[in-house]
Amino acid sequence: ANVGAERLDDILTDLIEGMAGIGVKHVRIVTEVSPGLVAIHLSSRERINPAAFGKRRLNLYDRTLGWLGGGLESSQHEGSAEFIIRLPELASM
């Protein structure tokens, strides 16, 4: 099994479920691909406070993605938040 893909799946699922858990009704998922790199953007028009996910949890995701050569960013602008997962392309099985 591709451990990197499994970890990415776990993190994406948890972030989306976490967004739903704090009342977000519409999650926007956008992917961005450039040579050797992939970015996944999760956002909502609804107000999200990234702190609601817990700093320790977000740091754990960032460390896990770091082991895969990537990272997790969160930003807040104009009342909405966005999570961005950046990774090198994962080999497909």
C-alpha atoms as a PDB file:
ATOM      1  CA  ALA A   1       0.000   0.000   0.000  1.00  0.00           C
ATOM      2  CA  ASN A   2       1.072   3.589  -0.600  1.00  0.00           C
ATOM      3  CA  VAL A   3       1.530   4.976   2.918  1.00  0.00           C
ATOM      4  CA  GLY A   4       1.777   8.569   1.645  1.00  0.00           C
ATOM      5  CA  ALA A   5      -1.546   8.323  -0.164  1.00  0.00           C
ATOM      6  CA  GLU A   6      -3.168   6.750   2.917  1.00  0.00           C
ATOM      7  CA  ARG A   7      -1.910   9.556   5.205  1.00  0.00           C
ATOM      8  CA  LEU A   8      -3.104  12.180   2.716  1.00  0.00           C
ATOM      9  CA  ASP A   9      -6.522  10.514   2.582  1.00  0.00           C
ATOM     10  CA  ASP A  10      -6.723  10.460   6.396  1.00  0.00           C
ATOM     11  CA  ILE A  11      -5.792  14.149   6.687  1.00  0.00           C
ATOM     12  CA  LEU A  12      -8.179  15.276   3.926  1.00  0.00           C
ATOM     13  CA  THR A  13     -11.050  13.269   5.404  1.00  0.00           C
ATOM     14  CA  ASP A  14     -10.407  14.610   8.892  1.00  0.00           C
ATOM     15  CA  LEU A  15     -10.209  18.233   7.706  1.00  0.00           C
ATOM     16  CA  ILE A  16     -13.464  17.922   5.726  1.00  0.00           C
ATOM     17  CA  GLU A  17     -15.233  16.168   8.615  1.00  0.00           C
ATOM     18  CA  GLY A  18     -13.863  18.811  10.995  1.00  0.00           C
ATOM     19  CA  MET A  19     -15.236  21.582   8.786  1.00  0.00           C
ATOM     20  CA  ALA A  20     -18.635  19.884   8.769  1.00  0.00           C
ATOM     21  CA  GLY A  21     -18.414  19.425  12.534  1.00  0.00           C
ATOM     22  CA  ILE A  22     -18.123  23.174  13.123  1.00  0.00           C
ATOM     23  CA  GLY A  23     -21.134  23.884  10.930  1.00  0.00           C
ATOM     24  CA  VAL A  24     -19.682  24.395   7.458  1.00  0.00           C
ATOM     25  CA  LYS A  25     -22.285  23.351   4.904  1.00  0.00           C
ATOM     26  CA  HIS A  26     -20.307  23.882   1.680  1.00  0.00           C
ATOM     27  CA  VAL A  27     -16.668  22.871   1.303  1.00  0.00           C
ATOM     28  CA  ARG A  28     -14.840  23.902  -1.821  1.00  0.00           C
ATOM     29  CA  ILE A  29     -12.018  21.610  -2.942  1.00  0.00           C
ATOM     30  CA  VAL A  30      -9.622  22.838  -5.621  1.00  0.00           C
ATOM     31  CA  THR A  31      -6.535  21.036  -6.845  1.00  0.00           C
ATOM     32  CA  GLU A  32      -3.551  22.693  -8.438  1.00  0.00           C
ATOM     33  CA  VAL A  33      -0.910  20.657 -10.243  1.00  0.00           C
ATOM     34  CA  SER A  34       2.464  21.826 -11.473  1.00  0.00           C
ATOM     35  CA  PRO A  35       5.434  19.681 -12.521  1.00  0.00           C
ATOM     36  CA  GLY A  36       6.232  17.483  -9.537  1.00  0.00           C
ATOM     37  CA  LEU A  37       3.944  19.367  -7.113  1.00  0.00           C
ATOM     38  CA  VAL A  38       0.312  19.104  -6.039  1.00  0.00           C
ATOM     39  CA  ALA A  39      -1.696  21.568  -3.948  1.00  0.00           C
ATOM     40  CA  ILE A  40      -5.131  20.846  -2.511  1.00  0.00           C
ATOM     41  CA  HIS A  41      -7.149  23.857  -1.332  1.00  0.00           C
ATOM     42  CA  LEU A  42     -10.070  23.373   1.087  1.00  0.00           C
ATOM     43  CA  SER A  43     -12.177  26.448   1.715  1.00  0.00           C
ATOM     44  CA  SER A  44     -15.668  27.680   2.453  1.00  0.00           C
ATOM     45  CA  ARG A  45     -17.606  30.893   2.036  1.00  0.00           C
ATOM     46  CA  GLU A  46     -18.723  30.417   5.636  1.00  0.00           C
ATOM     47  CA  ARG A  47     -16.670  31.744   8.515  1.00  0.00           C
ATOM     48  CA  ILE A  48     -14.118  29.211   9.754  1.00  0.00           C
ATOM     49  CA  ASN A  49     -11.619  29.746  12.512  1.00  0.00           C
ATOM     50  CA  PRO A  50      -8.656  27.394  11.933  1.00  0.00           C
ATOM     51  CA  ALA A  51      -8.090  27.456  15.717  1.00  0.00           C
ATOM     52  CA  ALA A  52     -11.309  25.413  16.061  1.00  0.00           C
ATOM     53  CA  PHE A  53      -9.324  22.437  14.731  1.00  0.00           C
ATOM     54  CA  GLY A  54      -6.762  22.716  17.497  1.00  0.00           C
ATOM     55  CA  LYS A  55      -3.192  23.835  17.070  1.00  0.00           C
ATOM     56  CA  ARG A  56      -1.822  20.413  18.063  1.00  0.00           C
ATOM     57  CA  ARG A  57      -3.929  18.649  15.442  1.00  0.00           C
ATOM     58  CA  LEU A  58      -2.929  21.051  12.668  1.00  0.00           C
ATOM     59  CA  ASN A  59       0.733  20.781  13.723  1.00  0.00           C
ATOM     60  CA  LEU A  60       0.463  16.976  13.589  1.00  0.00           C
ATOM     61  CA  TYR A  61      -0.926  17.158  10.044  1.00  0.00           C
ATOM     62  CA  ASP A  62       1.856  19.544   9.040  1.00  0.00           C
ATOM     63  CA  ARG A  63       4.533  17.228  10.493  1.00  0.00           C
ATOM     64  CA  THR A  64       2.983  14.179   8.809  1.00  0.00           C
ATOM     65  CA  LEU A  65       2.882  15.971   5.461  1.00  0.00           C
ATOM     66  CA  GLY A  66       6.440  17.170   6.118  1.00  0.00           C
ATOM     67  CA  TRP A  67       7.582  13.535   6.261  1.00  0.00           C
ATOM     68  CA  LEU A  68       6.117  13.221   2.759  1.00  0.00           C
ATOM     69  CA  GLY A  69       7.963  16.335   1.562  1.00  0.00           C
ATOM     70  CA  GLY A  70       5.010  18.717   1.886  1.00  0.00           C
ATOM     71  CA  GLY A  71       3.112  20.765   4.419  1.00  0.00           C
ATOM     72  CA  LEU A  72      -0.182  22.230   5.601  1.00  0.00           C
ATOM     73  CA  GLU A  73      -0.963  25.933   5.596  1.00  0.00           C
ATOM     74  CA  SER A  74      -4.026  27.674   6.936  1.00  0.00           C
ATOM     75  CA  SER A  75      -5.022  31.247   6.332  1.00  0.00           C
ATOM     76  CA  GLN A  76      -7.969  33.435   7.110  1.00  0.00           C
ATOM     77  CA  HIS A  77      -9.109  36.301   4.919  1.00  0.00           C
ATOM     78  CA  GLU A  78     -12.337  38.259   4.576  1.00  0.00           C
ATOM     79  CA  GLY A  79     -14.049  36.106   7.199  1.00  0.00           C
ATOM     80  CA  SER A  80     -13.375  32.773   5.536  1.00  0.00           C
ATOM     81  CA  ALA A  81     -10.520  30.347   5.981  1.00  0.00           C
ATOM     82  CA  GLU A  82      -8.572  28.138   3.664  1.00  0.00           C
ATOM     83  CA  PHE A  83      -6.416  25.088   4.247  1.00  0.00           C
ATOM     84  CA  ILE A  84      -3.751  24.306   1.674  1.00  0.00           C
ATOM     85  CA  ILE A  85      -1.997  20.950   1.501  1.00  0.00           C
ATOM     86  CA  ARG A  86       1.157  21.003  -0.609  1.00  0.00           C
ATOM     87  CA  LEU A  87       2.937  17.800  -1.606  1.00  0.00           C
ATOM     88  CA  PRO A  88       5.302  16.447  -4.213  1.00  0.00           C
ATOM     89  CA  GLU A  89       3.451  14.171  -6.600  1.00  0.00           C
ATOM     90  CA  LEU A  90       2.769  10.821  -4.935  1.00  0.00           C
ATOM     91  CA  ALA A  91       3.512   7.743  -6.979  1.00  0.00           C
ATOM     92  CA  SER A  92       0.347   5.950  -8.049  1.00  0.00           C
ATOM     93  CA  MET A  93      -0.077   2.257  -7.494  1.00  0.00           C
END
